[in-house]
Amino acid sequence: MVGSIAAETLVSSDVFSEVVIADIEIAQARRMVERLGTGNVSAVKLDAASPRSISNAIVGSSVVLNCVGPFYKYGPIIMKAVIESKVNYVDVCDDFDATEKLLAMDGDARKAGISALVGMGSSPGVANVLVRFCADSLLERVEAVDIYHAHGGEKVEGPAVVKHRIHSMKMDIPMFLDGKFTTVRLFEESGKSLEEEVEFRDVGTYNVYAYPHPETITLPRYLKGVKRVTNLGLVLPPAYAELIKGVVRLGVTGEEPIVVQGHKIVPLEFAVAFILSQRQRLMEEAGPSEPMGCLKIVVKGYKNGEKSTYVFSLSSRGQGMGEGTGVPAALGAILMATGKVKEYGVNPPEGCVDPIDLLELARTKVSLGGKRGLPIVIEHIDKDGKSERINLLS
C-alpha cells in the first residue's frame, strides 16, 4: 500500500536511472513492474529477515527506500545491512522503539560515510518538517506541539499494519509533558487523560488516543524550551479501532504458540487474521467508504513576545495512508539522491530535511487530487484568538 505509491512517485519523478522493487512476494513485485509500464523498473526477491538477501538486493544502489513493516521487527535488520553496504537510506519507520534502535546506529552510519533519514512519512515525517518550519521561520520560541492523525478506508490493509497497531497499544507510550520525557499506558488513566475530541478537515470529528510515534522523542531534542510534544491518532472507522483495542484488552496477542485441537497456533497471528476478517464488514456498516485521512499539527509558541498558534492540516478524501506516507517517503529518497540531505549519520526529518526543499520538490513532483504539491492548509491564530489562513511559501 505504501511501497507501491512510493514506487510510482519515484518512477514518475525522472530522477532515477533505475528503480528496483524488492519484496518477498516476487510475483506481486513483478505485477507492480508491469503496471508501471516503463523500462527502468525491475523486481527482485528479498527476504527482509536475511541480511544476505538484503545486501544482494541493494548492491549498486544509490538510495534504499525501506517501506517494510512492522519496523520494530525489520527496521534494525535492514538498516544494519544497508550501512554495511554503504548505501544511503530512507524509511517510514513509525515505531518509536525501532526509531531509538535506528538512531543508535548513528556512529556506524557516520563511519560508513552515509546518510540515513528515518521516519519520512506523514507522521512521523511531514509533521516533523512542518514543526521545524514553525521553529525556524514563524515563531521565536515553540512551547507546545500536538500532532493528531486519523485515516482509514483503504481497499487493502496488510498484517504488518495491524501488528504495528497492536504493538503500539501494548507498550509504554512516550510523551513529552511539562518539559520532561515520560510514558503513558493506553488503557490506564495516564493514557486516557490525553484522549480528546479533534476536528479533522475534510474527514470529521473523532476521539483520538495516545500513539507511540517517534516525534515525541525526537522533536524535543531539536526544540529548545519546548514544554509539550504529544501524538494522538485514530484508525477509521472508529468501530475498527475499537475492535483492535478490544482484542488487545483480551490479551490474545502473544507470540508464543499454544496448542488448539492438536495444532500449534500463534495468538498474535490468529488475532491479526480475525481483525482483518472483520474489517470489510465494519467499513460497510460505517457507511459509504473511501480512503481518507488527515494529519493535523498544532504548534503553539511566542512571536514578538505574544502568544501565537499555527495549525497545519493535510487532508484528503479518496486518498489514505498509501499516499499520505508513500509520497513523502519518495520525496525523501529524491532529496537524498539529489544531495539535499547533507548530514551524515542517522537523523529524523527535522534534523536533516530543509522544509522549503521538501515543499518545493512536492510542488514540482507531486499531483494529488488534481493539485500540485502537498495539500496543506495553514491557519494562524493570534493572541486574541483571531484566525486567518496563510500561504506557507509567502
Protein backbone atom coordinates (compact mmCIF):
# COMPACT_ATOMS: atom_id res chain seq x y z
CA MET A 1 0.00 0.00 0.00
CA VAL A 2 2.73 2.46 0.99
CA GLY A 3 5.57 1.00 -1.04
CA SER A 4 3.55 0.86 -4.26
CA ILE A 5 2.68 4.58 -4.03
CA ALA A 6 6.31 5.37 -3.25
CA ALA A 7 7.45 3.36 -6.28
CA GLU A 8 5.01 5.16 -8.57
CA THR A 9 6.25 8.52 -7.31
CA LEU A 10 9.90 7.56 -7.74
CA VAL A 11 9.38 6.32 -11.29
CA SER A 12 7.39 9.37 -12.37
CA SER A 13 9.99 11.74 -10.90
CA ASP A 14 12.53 11.01 -13.68
CA VAL A 15 15.30 11.40 -11.09
CA PHE A 16 16.49 7.80 -11.07
CA SER A 17 18.01 5.82 -13.92
CA GLU A 18 16.53 2.65 -12.43
CA VAL A 19 14.04 1.70 -9.72
CA VAL A 20 14.16 -1.82 -8.27
CA ILE A 21 11.12 -3.12 -6.35
CA ALA A 22 12.19 -5.70 -3.79
CA ASP A 23 9.69 -7.94 -1.97
CA ILE A 24 9.42 -11.44 -0.61
CA GLU A 25 6.28 -11.80 -2.77
CA ILE A 26 8.15 -11.61 -6.06
CA ALA A 27 5.02 -12.26 -8.14
CA GLN A 28 3.37 -9.18 -6.68
CA ALA A 29 6.51 -7.13 -7.25
CA ARG A 30 6.55 -8.20 -10.90
CA ARG A 31 2.87 -7.26 -11.28
CA MET A 32 3.76 -3.84 -9.93
CA VAL A 33 6.53 -3.54 -12.51
CA GLU A 34 4.08 -4.44 -15.27
CA ARG A 35 1.55 -1.92 -14.01
CA LEU A 36 4.12 0.86 -14.01
CA GLY A 37 4.82 0.00 -17.64
CA THR A 38 8.23 1.60 -18.01
CA GLY A 39 11.62 0.23 -18.99
CA ASN A 40 13.58 1.45 -15.97
CA VAL A 41 11.78 -0.63 -13.34
CA SER A 42 12.60 -4.18 -12.30
CA ALA A 43 11.77 -6.60 -9.48
CA VAL A 44 13.92 -8.71 -7.20
CA LYS A 45 13.03 -11.16 -4.44
CA LEU A 46 14.05 -10.04 -0.96
CA ASP A 47 13.72 -11.62 2.47
CA ALA A 48 13.74 -8.72 4.97
CA ALA A 49 14.82 -11.08 7.76
CA SER A 50 18.01 -12.08 5.90
CA PRO A 51 20.97 -9.64 5.86
CA ARG A 52 22.49 -11.51 2.90
CA SER A 53 19.27 -11.23 0.91
CA ILE A 54 19.09 -7.50 1.69
CA SER A 55 22.71 -6.92 0.68
CA ASN A 56 22.25 -8.81 -2.59
CA ALA A 57 19.12 -6.83 -3.45
CA ILE A 58 20.61 -3.36 -2.85
CA VAL A 59 24.03 -3.84 -4.46
CA GLY A 60 24.82 -0.92 -6.77
CA SER A 61 22.04 1.28 -5.44
CA SER A 62 22.43 4.97 -4.62
CA VAL A 63 19.47 5.07 -2.21
CA VAL A 64 17.45 2.42 -0.38
CA LEU A 65 13.85 3.35 0.49
CA ASN A 66 12.53 0.95 3.13
CA CYS A 67 8.74 0.51 3.42
CA VAL A 68 8.83 -2.92 5.10
CA GLY A 69 6.83 -3.24 8.28
CA PRO A 70 6.43 -3.80 11.08
CA PHE A 71 9.52 -1.72 11.74
CA TYR A 72 10.02 -2.97 15.29
CA LYS A 73 10.82 -6.33 13.66
CA TYR A 74 12.56 -5.49 10.38
CA GLY A 75 13.85 -1.91 10.69
CA PRO A 76 17.13 -2.59 12.55
CA ILE A 77 17.94 -5.65 10.41
CA ILE A 78 17.57 -3.70 7.17
CA MET A 79 19.36 -0.59 8.44
CA LYS A 80 22.38 -2.62 9.60
CA ALA A 81 22.67 -4.35 6.21
CA VAL A 82 22.35 -1.04 4.36
CA ILE A 83 25.05 0.59 6.49
CA GLU A 84 27.39 -2.36 5.89
CA SER A 85 26.74 -1.93 2.14
CA LYS A 86 27.49 1.83 2.44
CA VAL A 87 24.28 2.93 0.74
CA ASN A 88 22.23 5.99 1.70
CA TYR A 89 18.93 5.14 3.36
CA VAL A 90 15.36 6.46 3.85
CA ASP A 91 12.46 4.79 5.65
CA VAL A 92 8.95 5.38 7.01
CA CYS A 93 9.57 3.92 10.48
CA ASP A 94 6.74 4.90 12.83
CA ASP A 95 7.62 2.65 15.78
CA PHE A 96 9.36 4.72 18.46
CA ASP A 97 11.25 1.75 19.91
CA ALA A 98 12.59 0.84 16.47
CA THR A 99 13.46 4.52 15.88
CA GLU A 100 15.58 4.51 19.05
CA LYS A 101 17.47 1.46 17.77
CA LEU A 102 18.00 3.09 14.37
CA LEU A 103 19.22 6.36 15.90
CA ALA A 104 21.68 4.33 17.98
CA MET A 105 23.33 3.29 14.68
CA ASP A 106 24.32 6.91 14.02
CA GLY A 107 28.00 6.26 14.74
CA ASP A 108 28.12 3.26 12.41
CA ALA A 109 26.46 5.27 9.63
CA ARG A 110 28.95 8.12 10.06
CA LYS A 111 31.87 5.71 9.91
CA ALA A 112 30.41 4.27 6.69
CA GLY A 113 30.08 7.79 5.27
CA ILE A 114 26.35 7.51 4.57
CA SER A 115 23.21 9.48 5.34
CA ALA A 116 20.12 7.83 6.81
CA LEU A 117 16.76 9.61 7.07
CA VAL A 118 14.34 7.73 9.33
CA GLY A 119 10.60 8.27 9.69
CA MET A 120 9.97 10.15 6.43
CA GLY A 121 6.24 9.52 6.05
CA SER A 122 3.31 11.60 7.21
CA SER A 123 3.54 11.18 10.99
CA PRO A 124 6.41 10.94 11.53
CA GLY A 125 7.81 12.78 8.52
CA VAL A 126 5.91 15.74 7.16
CA ALA A 127 4.78 16.53 10.72
CA ASN A 128 8.40 16.90 11.88
CA VAL A 129 9.33 19.07 8.91
CA LEU A 130 6.39 21.45 9.40
CA VAL A 131 7.21 21.82 13.09
CA ARG A 132 10.77 22.69 12.13
CA PHE A 133 9.41 25.25 9.66
CA CYS A 134 7.48 26.86 12.52
CA ALA A 135 10.55 26.91 14.75
CA ASP A 136 12.83 28.29 12.01
CA SER A 137 10.56 30.82 10.31
CA LEU A 138 7.28 31.55 12.12
CA LEU A 139 7.87 31.54 15.88
CA GLU A 140 10.65 32.82 18.10
CA ARG A 141 10.01 30.03 20.60
CA VAL A 142 7.92 26.86 20.37
CA GLU A 143 6.15 25.97 23.60
CA ALA A 144 3.92 23.04 22.60
CA VAL A 145 3.40 20.65 19.68
CA ASP A 146 0.31 18.45 19.43
CA ILE A 147 0.16 16.07 16.46
CA TYR A 148 -3.14 14.43 15.52
CA HIS A 149 -3.92 11.95 12.74
CA ALA A 150 -6.95 9.98 11.52
CA HIS A 151 -7.04 7.77 8.44
CA GLY A 152 -8.67 4.68 7.02
CA GLY A 153 -10.86 3.26 4.28
CA GLU A 154 -8.08 1.82 2.12
CA LYS A 155 -9.16 -1.10 -0.03
CA VAL A 156 -6.37 -3.28 1.32
CA GLU A 157 -4.72 -3.41 4.73
CA GLY A 158 -1.80 -5.71 5.36
CA PRO A 159 -0.99 -7.74 8.50
CA ALA A 160 2.09 -5.58 9.19
CA VAL A 161 -0.12 -2.52 9.73
CA VAL A 162 -2.34 -4.37 12.21
CA LYS A 163 0.70 -5.76 14.04
CA HIS A 164 2.07 -2.22 14.31
CA ARG A 165 -1.18 -1.04 15.88
CA ILE A 166 -1.28 -3.94 18.34
CA HIS A 167 2.36 -3.34 19.25
CA SER A 168 1.59 0.35 19.76
CA MET A 169 -1.31 -0.37 22.14
CA LYS A 170 0.60 -2.76 24.39
CA MET A 171 3.66 -0.66 25.18
CA ASP A 172 4.64 2.26 27.35
CA ILE A 173 3.85 5.20 25.06
CA PRO A 174 6.38 8.07 25.09
CA MET A 175 5.16 11.63 25.56
CA PHE A 176 6.93 14.88 26.41
CA LEU A 177 4.91 16.62 29.11
CA ASP A 178 5.77 19.53 31.41
CA GLY A 179 9.23 19.73 29.87
CA LYS A 180 10.09 16.09 30.61
CA PHE A 181 10.10 12.75 28.82
CA THR A 182 7.54 10.37 30.29
CA THR A 183 5.39 7.42 29.27
CA VAL A 184 1.67 6.63 29.42
CA ARG A 185 -0.36 3.44 29.02
CA LEU A 186 -3.23 3.43 26.55
CA PHE A 187 -5.76 1.66 28.78
CA GLU A 188 -4.70 3.29 32.05
CA GLU A 189 -5.57 6.72 33.41
CA SER A 190 -2.25 8.18 32.22
CA GLY A 191 -3.23 7.46 28.60
CA LYS A 192 -6.94 8.17 28.97
CA SER A 193 -6.18 11.64 30.35
CA LEU A 194 -4.67 12.62 27.00
CA GLU A 195 -7.63 11.50 24.87
CA GLU A 196 -9.57 14.33 23.24
CA GLU A 197 -12.10 15.09 20.53
CA VAL A 198 -10.48 16.59 17.44
CA GLU A 199 -11.96 18.08 14.29
CA PHE A 200 -10.14 16.87 11.16
CA ARG A 201 -10.53 18.90 8.00
CA ASP A 202 -12.47 17.03 5.26
CA VAL A 203 -12.66 13.89 7.41
CA GLY A 204 -14.78 14.56 10.51
CA THR A 205 -14.59 14.90 14.28
CA TYR A 206 -13.29 11.92 16.26
CA ASN A 207 -11.89 10.93 19.62
CA VAL A 208 -8.16 10.26 19.37
CA TYR A 209 -5.87 8.35 21.72
CA ALA A 210 -2.16 8.15 22.55
CA TYR A 211 0.12 6.85 19.79
CA PRO A 212 3.79 5.85 20.30
CA HIS A 213 5.09 7.70 17.24
CA PRO A 214 8.69 8.91 17.42
CA GLU A 215 8.02 12.66 17.12
CA THR A 216 7.60 12.75 20.89
CA ILE A 217 11.19 11.52 21.40
CA THR A 218 12.94 13.39 18.56
CA LEU A 219 11.31 16.84 18.39
CA PRO A 220 12.13 17.85 22.00
CA ARG A 221 15.81 17.36 21.18
CA TYR A 222 15.60 19.96 18.40
CA LEU A 223 13.22 22.47 20.04
CA LYS A 224 14.89 24.39 22.84
CA GLY A 225 12.48 25.33 25.61
CA VAL A 226 9.55 23.23 24.36
CA LYS A 227 7.29 22.07 27.18
CA ARG A 228 4.96 19.60 25.45
CA VAL A 229 5.05 17.24 22.46
CA THR A 230 2.21 14.74 22.02
CA ASN A 231 0.98 12.39 19.32
CA LEU A 232 -2.64 11.20 19.24
CA GLY A 233 -4.43 9.31 16.49
CA LEU A 234 -7.17 7.01 15.30
CA VAL A 235 -7.74 4.45 12.56
CA LEU A 236 -11.10 4.76 10.76
CA PRO A 237 -13.84 3.74 11.07
CA PRO A 238 -13.88 4.07 14.88
CA ALA A 239 -15.53 0.64 15.27
CA TYR A 240 -12.48 -0.92 13.59
CA ALA A 241 -10.17 0.85 16.03
CA GLU A 242 -12.31 -0.36 18.91
CA LEU A 243 -12.12 -3.95 17.63
CA ILE A 244 -8.32 -3.82 17.66
CA LYS A 245 -8.31 -2.26 21.14
CA GLY A 246 -10.73 -4.94 22.35
CA VAL A 247 -8.53 -7.77 21.07
CA VAL A 248 -5.53 -6.23 22.84
CA ARG A 249 -7.52 -5.86 26.07
CA LEU A 250 -8.39 -9.58 25.90
CA GLY A 251 -4.69 -10.43 25.83
CA VAL A 252 -4.84 -12.74 22.79
CA THR A 253 -1.82 -11.14 21.10
CA GLY A 254 1.06 -13.20 22.45
CA GLU A 255 3.75 -14.60 20.17
CA GLU A 256 4.31 -17.93 21.96
CA PRO A 257 2.39 -20.75 20.22
CA ILE A 258 -0.43 -22.50 22.02
CA VAL A 259 -2.00 -25.85 21.10
CA VAL A 260 -5.56 -25.73 19.77
CA GLN A 261 -7.10 -29.10 18.88
CA GLY A 262 -3.68 -30.55 18.19
CA HIS A 263 -2.43 -27.59 16.15
CA LYS A 264 0.12 -25.02 17.26
CA ILE A 265 -1.35 -21.53 16.88
CA VAL A 266 0.41 -18.20 17.50
CA PRO A 267 -2.19 -16.00 19.24
CA LEU A 268 -0.92 -12.84 17.51
CA GLU A 269 -1.31 -14.38 14.05
CA PHE A 270 -4.85 -15.50 14.91
CA ALA A 271 -5.70 -12.05 16.30
CA VAL A 272 -4.45 -10.29 13.16
CA ALA A 273 -6.31 -12.70 10.86
CA PHE A 274 -9.51 -12.26 12.88
CA ILE A 275 -9.24 -8.46 12.87
CA LEU A 276 -8.70 -8.38 9.10
CA SER A 277 -11.61 -10.79 8.57
CA GLN A 278 -13.94 -8.26 10.25
CA ARG A 279 -12.56 -5.13 8.60
CA GLN A 280 -14.74 -5.09 5.48
CA ARG A 281 -17.93 -5.64 7.48
CA LEU A 282 -17.13 -2.79 9.85
CA MET A 283 -16.31 -0.47 6.96
CA GLU A 284 -19.60 -1.29 5.25
CA GLU A 285 -21.55 -0.73 8.47
CA ALA A 286 -19.91 2.67 8.86
CA GLY A 287 -21.44 3.80 5.55
CA PRO A 288 -20.04 4.72 2.14
CA SER A 289 -16.32 4.11 2.40
CA GLU A 290 -13.37 5.61 0.58
CA PRO A 291 -9.75 6.15 1.55
CA MET A 292 -9.43 9.28 3.64
CA GLY A 293 -7.02 10.83 6.04
CA CYS A 294 -5.95 13.96 7.84
CA LEU A 295 -2.78 14.97 9.63
CA LYS A 296 -3.26 17.95 11.94
CA ILE A 297 -0.39 19.71 13.70
CA VAL A 298 -0.97 22.41 16.30
CA VAL A 299 2.16 24.42 17.18
CA LYS A 300 1.95 26.97 19.98
CA GLY A 301 4.61 29.47 20.91
CA TYR A 302 5.63 33.10 21.00
CA LYS A 303 6.46 35.76 18.44
CA ASN A 304 7.33 39.34 19.37
CA GLY A 305 6.61 38.39 22.97
CA GLU A 306 2.99 37.45 22.23
CA LYS A 307 1.29 34.07 22.11
CA SER A 308 0.83 32.68 18.61
CA THR A 309 -0.55 29.39 17.25
CA TYR A 310 -0.20 27.73 13.85
CA VAL A 311 -2.45 24.87 12.76
CA PHE A 312 -1.39 22.75 9.78
CA SER A 313 -3.87 20.35 8.15
CA LEU A 314 -3.06 17.87 5.40
CA SER A 315 -6.30 16.18 4.45
CA SER A 316 -7.85 14.24 1.61
CA ARG A 317 -10.80 12.10 0.66
CA GLY A 318 -10.16 9.42 -1.94
CA GLN A 319 -6.59 9.08 -0.70
CA GLY A 320 -5.41 7.48 2.51
CA MET A 321 -2.31 6.16 4.22
CA GLY A 322 -0.75 4.93 0.97
CA GLU A 323 -0.50 8.43 -0.47
CA GLY A 324 -0.02 10.14 2.90
CA THR A 325 3.01 8.00 3.72
CA GLY A 326 4.27 6.79 0.33
CA VAL A 327 4.55 10.20 -1.34
CA PRO A 328 6.65 11.86 1.43
CA ALA A 329 8.82 8.74 1.56
CA ALA A 330 9.56 9.02 -2.15
CA LEU A 331 10.25 12.75 -1.79
CA GLY A 332 12.73 11.90 0.97
CA ALA A 333 14.51 9.45 -1.34
CA ILE A 334 14.64 12.09 -4.10
CA LEU A 335 16.07 14.68 -1.69
CA MET A 336 18.67 12.13 -0.63
CA ALA A 337 19.59 11.24 -4.22
CA THR A 338 19.90 14.89 -5.30
CA GLY A 339 22.20 15.88 -2.44
CA LYS A 340 19.68 17.89 -0.44
CA VAL A 341 20.26 15.75 2.67
CA LYS A 342 23.79 16.74 3.63
CA GLU A 343 24.06 15.41 7.18
CA TYR A 344 25.88 12.13 7.68
CA GLY A 345 24.69 9.60 10.22
CA VAL A 346 21.14 8.73 11.24
CA ASN A 347 18.70 11.63 11.53
CA PRO A 348 14.94 12.18 11.92
CA PRO A 349 13.29 14.50 9.35
CA GLU A 350 13.60 17.65 11.47
CA GLY A 351 17.32 17.01 11.75
CA CYS A 352 18.20 16.91 8.06
CA VAL A 353 15.32 17.94 5.76
CA ASP A 354 15.01 21.60 4.84
CA PRO A 355 11.27 22.41 4.84
CA ILE A 356 11.50 24.63 1.77
CA ASP A 357 13.36 21.93 -0.17
CA LEU A 358 10.59 19.43 0.63
CA LEU A 359 7.75 21.80 -0.26
CA GLU A 360 9.36 22.95 -3.50
CA LEU A 361 10.04 19.37 -4.54
CA ALA A 362 6.43 18.42 -3.76
CA ARG A 363 5.22 21.34 -5.88
CA THR A 364 7.14 20.11 -8.92
CA LYS A 365 6.94 16.32 -8.49
CA VAL A 366 3.58 15.62 -6.82
CA SER A 367 -0.01 15.92 -8.00
CA LEU A 368 -2.70 14.85 -5.52
CA GLY A 369 -6.37 15.34 -6.23
CA GLY A 370 -5.55 17.35 -9.33
CA LYS A 371 -3.48 19.88 -7.35
CA ARG A 372 0.27 20.28 -7.35
CA GLY A 373 2.22 19.84 -4.11
CA LEU A 374 1.12 18.63 -0.70
CA PRO A 375 -2.46 19.62 0.24
CA ILE A 376 -1.51 21.78 3.23
CA VAL A 377 -3.92 24.27 4.80
CA ILE A 378 -2.37 26.64 7.36
CA GLU A 379 -4.24 28.66 9.93
CA HIS A 380 -2.69 31.32 12.17
CA ILE A 381 -4.37 32.19 15.49
CA ASP A 382 -3.13 35.33 17.26
CA LYS A 383 -3.10 36.12 20.98
CA ASP A 384 -6.70 37.37 20.82
CA GLY A 385 -7.99 34.22 19.12
CA LYS A 386 -8.31 35.84 15.71
CA SER A 387 -7.83 33.30 12.93
CA GLU A 388 -6.61 33.69 9.35
CA ARG A 389 -5.45 31.38 6.55
CA ILE A 390 -1.88 31.91 5.37
CA ASN A 391 0.29 30.84 2.43
CA LEU A 392 3.13 28.64 3.64
CA LEU A 393 5.59 29.83 0.98
CA SER A 394 4.72 33.54 1.10
